[in-house]
Amino acid sequence: MKAFFVEYLHIIGTTLLGLLFGLSFFLLFLNFYHYKEVHTTYKPSTDSGTNYDSIMNEVAAIKANADTYSQATYQGPEETFDMLNLQTKFHFCTDAFEDEEFKKLMAKEEYNINDVYELASYYQNEVLNDCIVIQMYGLANEESPSIKSARLQEIAPFLKVEMDQLLSGGLVYVKNNMKNNDIFYFSNDDSKTSVFELTKNSYLEVVNYYRRSLAFLKNFSEWYKKIAQGG
């Protein structure tokens, strides 16, 4: 009888082990297909040049505007400290676009969903937080502006409106939508199309965030250029 129970328990144990092995293999199989879906790629059009090149053209224009100011030749009414402070802020912001990490992210020939997520994270950390919030937002503080130039305070309300629009964008939603792309199912044409569309749409939206921030910086730098020229 004892031998019978031992044999019976051995059969049950072997069966359970087989079921666990089968389940593990099944989950591994599903993860493999999900990995293939996540790495479905989108290739941006380069018919009118790459996004990286066009962005760097805008960066070059912002730097040129900022470099218009020279302490040795400036004869306008603004304080030297204020002009140098603004110049430094522009350079700090353009540095984020000239970083090698940004180049690696933006100069890719094709993107999967993880690449786009990293591009969005870089924008949020280096452009939105470090440039717009830390460097620029204090300029529009009505109670205690970081630079007390009378002419700057005239345009401060407009700067604040533009920066608030940048800060209130739906970047967090875009990132969460990409992050939640973790459904496990067998790969098929519909699922691949869904991941491709998510990758494409997210990429285009993230690039648009970069362009909007650059447009703000360029417009502001053109105002600065006029001031630097004594206007």
C-alpha atoms as a PDB file:
ATOM      1  CA  MET A   1       0.000   0.000   0.000  1.00  0.00           C
ATOM      2  CA  LYS A   2       2.804   2.392   0.935  1.00  0.00           C
ATOM      3  CA  ALA A   3       4.537   1.727  -2.358  1.00  0.00           C
ATOM      4  CA  PHE A   4       1.267   2.480  -4.150  1.00  0.00           C
ATOM      5  CA  PHE A   5       0.905   5.903  -2.481  1.00  0.00           C
ATOM      6  CA  VAL A   6       4.542   6.730  -3.176  1.00  0.00           C
ATOM      7  CA  GLU A   7       4.055   5.863  -6.838  1.00  0.00           C
ATOM      8  CA  TYR A   8       0.779   7.831  -6.925  1.00  0.00           C
ATOM      9  CA  LEU A   9       2.432  10.934  -5.424  1.00  0.00           C
ATOM     10  CA  HIS A  10       5.316  10.572  -7.869  1.00  0.00           C
ATOM     11  CA  ILE A  11       2.852  10.572 -10.791  1.00  0.00           C
ATOM     12  CA  ILE A  12       1.090  13.685  -9.427  1.00  0.00           C
ATOM     13  CA  GLY A  13       4.406  15.481  -8.869  1.00  0.00           C
ATOM     14  CA  THR A  14       5.598  14.631 -12.375  1.00  0.00           C
ATOM     15  CA  THR A  15       2.292  15.853 -13.833  1.00  0.00           C
ATOM     16  CA  LEU A  16       2.466  19.152 -11.940  1.00  0.00           C
ATOM     17  CA  LEU A  17       6.067  19.651 -12.993  1.00  0.00           C
ATOM     18  CA  GLY A  18       5.081  19.043 -16.605  1.00  0.00           C
ATOM     19  CA  LEU A  19       2.225  21.540 -16.344  1.00  0.00           C
ATOM     20  CA  LEU A  20       4.516  24.172 -14.824  1.00  0.00           C
ATOM     21  CA  PHE A  21       7.095  23.590 -17.532  1.00  0.00           C
ATOM     22  CA  GLY A  22       4.407  23.887 -20.197  1.00  0.00           C
ATOM     23  CA  LEU A  23       3.059  27.106 -18.674  1.00  0.00           C
ATOM     24  CA  SER A  24       6.560  28.576 -18.470  1.00  0.00           C
ATOM     25  CA  PHE A  25       7.226  27.714 -22.102  1.00  0.00           C
ATOM     26  CA  PHE A  26       3.849  29.213 -23.105  1.00  0.00           C
ATOM     27  CA  LEU A  27       4.576  32.503 -21.310  1.00  0.00           C
ATOM     28  CA  LEU A  28       8.063  32.625 -22.812  1.00  0.00           C
ATOM     29  CA  PHE A  29       6.529  32.064 -26.232  1.00  0.00           C
ATOM     30  CA  LEU A  30       4.057  34.906 -25.718  1.00  0.00           C
ATOM     31  CA  ASN A  31       6.796  37.231 -24.467  1.00  0.00           C
ATOM     32  CA  PHE A  32       8.827  36.477 -27.552  1.00  0.00           C
ATOM     33  CA  TYR A  33       5.974  37.580 -29.791  1.00  0.00           C
ATOM     34  CA  HIS A  34       5.345  40.637 -27.649  1.00  0.00           C
ATOM     35  CA  TYR A  35       9.045  41.510 -27.951  1.00  0.00           C
ATOM     36  CA  LYS A  36       8.694  41.373 -31.739  1.00  0.00           C
ATOM     37  CA  GLU A  37       5.649  43.661 -31.578  1.00  0.00           C
ATOM     38  CA  VAL A  38       7.362  46.180 -29.305  1.00  0.00           C
ATOM     39  CA  HIS A  39      10.262  46.303 -31.751  1.00  0.00           C
ATOM     40  CA  THR A  40       8.027  47.089 -34.702  1.00  0.00           C
ATOM     41  CA  THR A  41       9.726  50.174 -36.136  1.00  0.00           C
ATOM     42  CA  TYR A  42       8.723  53.451 -37.764  1.00  0.00           C
ATOM     43  CA  LYS A  43      11.046  55.186 -40.232  1.00  0.00           C
ATOM     44  CA  PRO A  44      10.563  58.984 -40.424  1.00  0.00           C
ATOM     45  CA  SER A  45      10.398  60.561 -43.855  1.00  0.00           C
ATOM     46  CA  THR A  46      13.542  62.362 -45.000  1.00  0.00           C
ATOM     47  CA  ASP A  47      12.062  63.888 -48.178  1.00  0.00           C
ATOM     48  CA  SER A  48      12.558  67.404 -46.793  1.00  0.00           C
ATOM     49  CA  GLY A  49      15.640  66.556 -44.696  1.00  0.00           C
ATOM     50  CA  THR A  50      15.895  64.849 -41.347  1.00  0.00           C
ATOM     51  CA  ASN A  51      14.191  66.133 -38.220  1.00  0.00           C
ATOM     52  CA  TYR A  52      17.566  66.271 -36.513  1.00  0.00           C
ATOM     53  CA  ASP A  53      19.008  68.578 -39.200  1.00  0.00           C
ATOM     54  CA  SER A  54      16.024  70.932 -39.136  1.00  0.00           C
ATOM     55  CA  ILE A  55      16.117  71.101 -35.339  1.00  0.00           C
ATOM     56  CA  MET A  56      19.833  71.875 -35.353  1.00  0.00           C
ATOM     57  CA  ASN A  57      19.231  74.676 -37.882  1.00  0.00           C
ATOM     58  CA  GLU A  58      16.836  76.251 -35.378  1.00  0.00           C
ATOM     59  CA  VAL A  59      19.383  75.761 -32.592  1.00  0.00           C
ATOM     60  CA  ALA A  60      22.060  77.499 -34.680  1.00  0.00           C
ATOM     61  CA  ALA A  61      19.728  80.464 -35.265  1.00  0.00           C
ATOM     62  CA  ILE A  62      19.023  80.779 -31.524  1.00  0.00           C
ATOM     63  CA  LYS A  63      22.749  80.695 -30.725  1.00  0.00           C
ATOM     64  CA  ALA A  64      23.488  83.308 -33.388  1.00  0.00           C
ATOM     65  CA  ASN A  65      20.822  85.613 -31.935  1.00  0.00           C
ATOM     66  CA  ALA A  66      22.203  85.140 -28.426  1.00  0.00           C
ATOM     67  CA  ASP A  67      25.765  85.802 -29.592  1.00  0.00           C
ATOM     68  CA  THR A  68      24.746  89.150 -31.065  1.00  0.00           C
ATOM     69  CA  TYR A  69      25.402  90.656 -27.639  1.00  0.00           C
ATOM     70  CA  SER A  70      28.968  91.705 -26.906  1.00  0.00           C
ATOM     71  CA  GLN A  71      29.844  93.354 -23.629  1.00  0.00           C
ATOM     72  CA  ALA A  72      32.657  95.266 -25.350  1.00  0.00           C
ATOM     73  CA  THR A  73      30.429  96.918 -27.967  1.00  0.00           C
ATOM     74  CA  TYR A  74      26.963  97.106 -26.378  1.00  0.00           C
ATOM     75  CA  GLN A  75      25.716 100.680 -25.927  1.00  0.00           C
ATOM     76  CA  GLY A  76      22.101 100.048 -24.990  1.00  0.00           C
ATOM     77  CA  PRO A  77      20.395 100.916 -21.691  1.00  0.00           C
ATOM     78  CA  GLU A  78      20.211  97.367 -20.265  1.00  0.00           C
ATOM     79  CA  GLU A  79      22.423  96.277 -17.394  1.00  0.00           C
ATOM     80  CA  THR A  80      25.453  94.215 -18.412  1.00  0.00           C
ATOM     81  CA  PHE A  81      24.587  91.565 -15.831  1.00  0.00           C
ATOM     82  CA  ASP A  82      21.069  91.185 -17.249  1.00  0.00           C
ATOM     83  CA  MET A  83      22.283  90.826 -20.824  1.00  0.00           C
ATOM     84  CA  LEU A  84      24.946  88.288 -19.872  1.00  0.00           C
ATOM     85  CA  ASN A  85      22.445  86.391 -17.733  1.00  0.00           C
ATOM     86  CA  LEU A  86      20.012  86.093 -20.632  1.00  0.00           C
ATOM     87  CA  GLN A  87      22.801  85.090 -23.008  1.00  0.00           C
ATOM     88  CA  THR A  88      23.864  82.339 -20.601  1.00  0.00           C
ATOM     89  CA  LYS A  89      20.295  81.050 -20.370  1.00  0.00           C
ATOM     90  CA  PHE A  90      20.015  80.762 -24.146  1.00  0.00           C
ATOM     91  CA  HIS A  91      23.300  78.884 -24.322  1.00  0.00           C
ATOM     92  CA  PHE A  92      22.253  76.554 -21.518  1.00  0.00           C
ATOM     93  CA  CYS A  93      19.080  75.693 -23.428  1.00  0.00           C
ATOM     94  CA  THR A  94      20.824  75.122 -26.764  1.00  0.00           C
ATOM     95  CA  ASP A  95      23.393  72.894 -25.046  1.00  0.00           C
ATOM     96  CA  ALA A  96      20.619  70.355 -24.453  1.00  0.00           C
ATOM     97  CA  PHE A  97      20.148  70.002 -28.220  1.00  0.00           C
ATOM     98  CA  GLU A  98      23.875  69.738 -28.909  1.00  0.00           C
ATOM     99  CA  ASP A  99      24.422  66.927 -26.427  1.00  0.00           C
ATOM    100  CA  GLU A 100      25.577  63.589 -27.873  1.00  0.00           C
ATOM    101  CA  GLU A 101      22.708  61.783 -26.145  1.00  0.00           C
ATOM    102  CA  PHE A 102      20.180  63.929 -27.978  1.00  0.00           C
ATOM    103  CA  LYS A 103      21.960  63.341 -31.291  1.00  0.00           C
ATOM    104  CA  LYS A 104      21.841  59.570 -30.778  1.00  0.00           C
ATOM    105  CA  LEU A 105      18.135  59.750 -29.982  1.00  0.00           C
ATOM    106  CA  MET A 106      17.088  62.153 -32.737  1.00  0.00           C
ATOM    107  CA  ALA A 107      19.401  61.029 -35.550  1.00  0.00           C
ATOM    108  CA  LYS A 108      18.126  57.433 -35.681  1.00  0.00           C
ATOM    109  CA  GLU A 109      16.969  56.192 -39.063  1.00  0.00           C
ATOM    110  CA  GLU A 110      14.106  54.231 -37.516  1.00  0.00           C
ATOM    111  CA  TYR A 111      12.389  54.041 -34.128  1.00  0.00           C
ATOM    112  CA  ASN A 112      10.709  51.424 -32.006  1.00  0.00           C
ATOM    113  CA  ILE A 113       8.384  52.331 -29.150  1.00  0.00           C
ATOM    114  CA  ASN A 114      11.211  52.250 -26.583  1.00  0.00           C
ATOM    115  CA  ASP A 115      13.275  54.705 -28.648  1.00  0.00           C
ATOM    116  CA  VAL A 116      10.366  57.158 -28.780  1.00  0.00           C
ATOM    117  CA  TYR A 117       9.841  56.818 -25.028  1.00  0.00           C
ATOM    118  CA  GLU A 118      13.509  57.718 -24.423  1.00  0.00           C
ATOM    119  CA  LEU A 119      13.176  60.702 -26.785  1.00  0.00           C
ATOM    120  CA  ALA A 120      10.144  61.901 -24.814  1.00  0.00           C
ATOM    121  CA  SER A 121      11.968  61.440 -21.506  1.00  0.00           C
ATOM    122  CA  TYR A 122      14.927  63.471 -22.749  1.00  0.00           C
ATOM    123  CA  TYR A 123      12.608  66.291 -23.771  1.00  0.00           C
ATOM    124  CA  GLN A 124      10.849  66.265 -20.407  1.00  0.00           C
ATOM    125  CA  ASN A 125      14.076  66.257 -18.370  1.00  0.00           C
ATOM    126  CA  GLU A 126      16.532  68.317 -20.412  1.00  0.00           C
ATOM    127  CA  VAL A 127      14.336  70.724 -22.379  1.00  0.00           C
ATOM    128  CA  LEU A 128      11.103  71.194 -20.438  1.00  0.00           C
ATOM    129  CA  ASN A 129      12.445  70.933 -16.879  1.00  0.00           C
ATOM    130  CA  ASP A 130      16.037  72.182 -17.117  1.00  0.00           C
ATOM    131  CA  CYS A 131      15.552  74.824 -19.831  1.00  0.00           C
ATOM    132  CA  ILE A 132      11.972  76.100 -19.722  1.00  0.00           C
ATOM    133  CA  VAL A 133      11.272  75.691 -16.005  1.00  0.00           C
ATOM    134  CA  ILE A 134      14.658  76.293 -14.373  1.00  0.00           C
ATOM    135  CA  GLN A 135      16.217  78.781 -16.800  1.00  0.00           C
ATOM    136  CA  MET A 136      13.321  80.686 -18.343  1.00  0.00           C
ATOM    137  CA  TYR A 137      10.241  80.569 -16.162  1.00  0.00           C
ATOM    138  CA  GLY A 138      11.604  82.889 -13.479  1.00  0.00           C
ATOM    139  CA  LEU A 139      11.865  85.671 -16.051  1.00  0.00           C
ATOM    140  CA  ALA A 140       8.067  85.882 -16.119  1.00  0.00           C
ATOM    141  CA  ASN A 141       7.611  85.966 -12.350  1.00  0.00           C
ATOM    142  CA  GLU A 142       5.541  89.108 -11.773  1.00  0.00           C
ATOM    143  CA  GLU A 143       6.348  89.431  -8.063  1.00  0.00           C
ATOM    144  CA  SER A 144      10.056  88.642  -8.162  1.00  0.00           C
ATOM    145  CA  PRO A 145      11.470  88.387 -11.708  1.00  0.00           C
ATOM    146  CA  SER A 146      14.961  86.932 -11.989  1.00  0.00           C
ATOM    147  CA  ILE A 147      15.917  89.876 -14.246  1.00  0.00           C
ATOM    148  CA  LYS A 148      14.452  93.305 -13.487  1.00  0.00           C
ATOM    149  CA  SER A 149      14.730  94.813 -16.965  1.00  0.00           C
ATOM    150  CA  ALA A 150      11.802  97.129 -17.710  1.00  0.00           C
ATOM    151  CA  ARG A 151      11.636  96.040 -21.340  1.00  0.00           C
ATOM    152  CA  LEU A 152      11.757  92.380 -20.355  1.00  0.00           C
ATOM    153  CA  GLN A 153       8.882  92.917 -17.931  1.00  0.00           C
ATOM    154  CA  GLU A 154       6.827  94.378 -20.793  1.00  0.00           C
ATOM    155  CA  ILE A 155       6.901  91.043 -22.620  1.00  0.00           C
ATOM    156  CA  ALA A 156       6.939  88.843 -19.486  1.00  0.00           C
ATOM    157  CA  PRO A 157       3.150  88.147 -19.581  1.00  0.00           C
ATOM    158  CA  PHE A 158       3.460  86.887 -23.151  1.00  0.00           C
ATOM    159  CA  LEU A 159       6.449  84.715 -22.226  1.00  0.00           C
ATOM    160  CA  LYS A 160       4.479  83.221 -19.355  1.00  0.00           C
ATOM    161  CA  VAL A 161       1.514  82.366 -21.585  1.00  0.00           C
ATOM    162  CA  GLU A 162       3.768  80.562 -24.058  1.00  0.00           C
ATOM    163  CA  MET A 163       5.664  78.693 -21.350  1.00  0.00           C
ATOM    164  CA  ASP A 164       2.442  77.677 -19.591  1.00  0.00           C
ATOM    165  CA  GLN A 165       1.223  76.225 -22.875  1.00  0.00           C
ATOM    166  CA  LEU A 166       4.426  74.212 -23.203  1.00  0.00           C
ATOM    167  CA  LEU A 167       4.125  72.981 -19.618  1.00  0.00           C
ATOM    168  CA  SER A 168       0.457  72.045 -19.920  1.00  0.00           C
ATOM    169  CA  GLY A 169       0.971  69.851 -22.994  1.00  0.00           C
ATOM    170  CA  GLY A 170      -0.021  66.186 -22.979  1.00  0.00           C
ATOM    171  CA  LEU A 171       3.491  64.747 -22.870  1.00  0.00           C
ATOM    172  CA  VAL A 172       2.763  62.737 -19.710  1.00  0.00           C
ATOM    173  CA  TYR A 173      -0.229  61.135 -21.432  1.00  0.00           C
ATOM    174  CA  VAL A 174       1.901  60.291 -24.473  1.00  0.00           C
ATOM    175  CA  LYS A 175       4.559  58.681 -22.282  1.00  0.00           C
ATOM    176  CA  ASN A 176       2.005  56.704 -20.251  1.00  0.00           C
ATOM    177  CA  ASN A 177       0.348  55.485 -23.435  1.00  0.00           C
ATOM    178  CA  MET A 178       3.683  54.121 -24.639  1.00  0.00           C
ATOM    179  CA  LYS A 179       4.582  52.706 -21.231  1.00  0.00           C
ATOM    180  CA  ASN A 180       1.287  50.805 -21.009  1.00  0.00           C
ATOM    181  CA  ASN A 181       1.955  48.991 -24.257  1.00  0.00           C
ATOM    182  CA  ASP A 182       2.397  45.653 -22.466  1.00  0.00           C
ATOM    183  CA  ILE A 183      -0.453  43.436 -23.680  1.00  0.00           C
ATOM    184  CA  PHE A 184       0.639  39.840 -24.227  1.00  0.00           C
ATOM    185  CA  TYR A 185      -0.953  38.080 -27.173  1.00  0.00           C
ATOM    186  CA  PHE A 186       0.039  36.258 -30.333  1.00  0.00           C
ATOM    187  CA  SER A 187       1.476  38.487 -32.998  1.00  0.00           C
ATOM    188  CA  ASN A 188      -0.766  39.196 -35.963  1.00  0.00           C
ATOM    189  CA  ASP A 189      -1.200  41.897 -38.584  1.00  0.00           C
ATOM    190  CA  ASP A 190      -3.638  43.898 -36.445  1.00  0.00           C
ATOM    191  CA  SER A 191      -1.376  43.967 -33.378  1.00  0.00           C
ATOM    192  CA  LYS A 192       1.652  44.905 -35.464  1.00  0.00           C
ATOM    193  CA  THR A 193      -0.304  47.712 -37.120  1.00  0.00           C
ATOM    194  CA  SER A 194      -1.465  48.944 -33.715  1.00  0.00           C
ATOM    195  CA  VAL A 195       2.101  49.089 -32.355  1.00  0.00           C
ATOM    196  CA  PHE A 196       3.347  50.722 -35.563  1.00  0.00           C
ATOM    197  CA  GLU A 197       0.669  53.439 -35.374  1.00  0.00           C
ATOM    198  CA  LEU A 198       1.428  54.047 -31.687  1.00  0.00           C
ATOM    199  CA  THR A 199       5.133  54.371 -32.464  1.00  0.00           C
ATOM    200  CA  LYS A 200       4.560  56.672 -35.436  1.00  0.00           C
ATOM    201  CA  ASN A 201       1.996  58.931 -33.747  1.00  0.00           C
ATOM    202  CA  SER A 202       4.000  59.179 -30.529  1.00  0.00           C
ATOM    203  CA  TYR A 203       7.169  60.034 -32.441  1.00  0.00           C
ATOM    204  CA  LEU A 204       5.478  62.786 -34.438  1.00  0.00           C
ATOM    205  CA  GLU A 205       3.906  64.227 -31.300  1.00  0.00           C
ATOM    206  CA  VAL A 206       7.173  64.201 -29.341  1.00  0.00           C
ATOM    207  CA  VAL A 207       9.037  65.882 -32.215  1.00  0.00           C
ATOM    208  CA  ASN A 208       6.294  68.511 -32.253  1.00  0.00           C
ATOM    209  CA  TYR A 209       6.993  69.236 -28.569  1.00  0.00           C
ATOM    210  CA  TYR A 210      10.651  69.836 -29.433  1.00  0.00           C
ATOM    211  CA  ARG A 211       9.653  72.174 -32.269  1.00  0.00           C
ATOM    212  CA  ARG A 212       7.258  74.166 -30.083  1.00  0.00           C
ATOM    213  CA  SER A 213       9.948  74.718 -27.460  1.00  0.00           C
ATOM    214  CA  LEU A 214      12.433  75.757 -30.137  1.00  0.00           C
ATOM    215  CA  ALA A 215       9.894  78.182 -31.620  1.00  0.00           C
ATOM    216  CA  PHE A 216       9.490  79.801 -28.215  1.00  0.00           C
ATOM    217  CA  LEU A 217      13.253  80.068 -27.710  1.00  0.00           C
ATOM    218  CA  LYS A 218      13.817  81.418 -31.217  1.00  0.00           C
ATOM    219  CA  ASN A 219      11.153  84.120 -30.893  1.00  0.00           C
ATOM    220  CA  PHE A 220      12.548  85.136 -27.511  1.00  0.00           C
ATOM    221  CA  SER A 221      16.116  85.163 -28.869  1.00  0.00           C
ATOM    222  CA  GLU A 222      15.052  87.420 -31.752  1.00  0.00           C
ATOM    223  CA  TRP A 223      13.702  89.924 -29.206  1.00  0.00           C
ATOM    224  CA  TYR A 224      17.021  89.628 -27.359  1.00  0.00           C
ATOM    225  CA  LYS A 225      18.937  90.241 -30.609  1.00  0.00           C
ATOM    226  CA  LYS A 226      17.111  93.541 -31.143  1.00  0.00           C
ATOM    227  CA  ILE A 227      17.933  94.600 -27.582  1.00  0.00           C
ATOM    228  CA  ALA A 228      21.565  93.553 -28.051  1.00  0.00           C
ATOM    229  CA  GLN A 229      21.804  95.676 -31.177  1.00  0.00           C
ATOM    230  CA  GLY A 230      20.651  98.673 -29.196  1.00  0.00           C
ATOM    231  CA  GLY A 231      17.077  98.603 -30.419  1.00  0.00           C
END
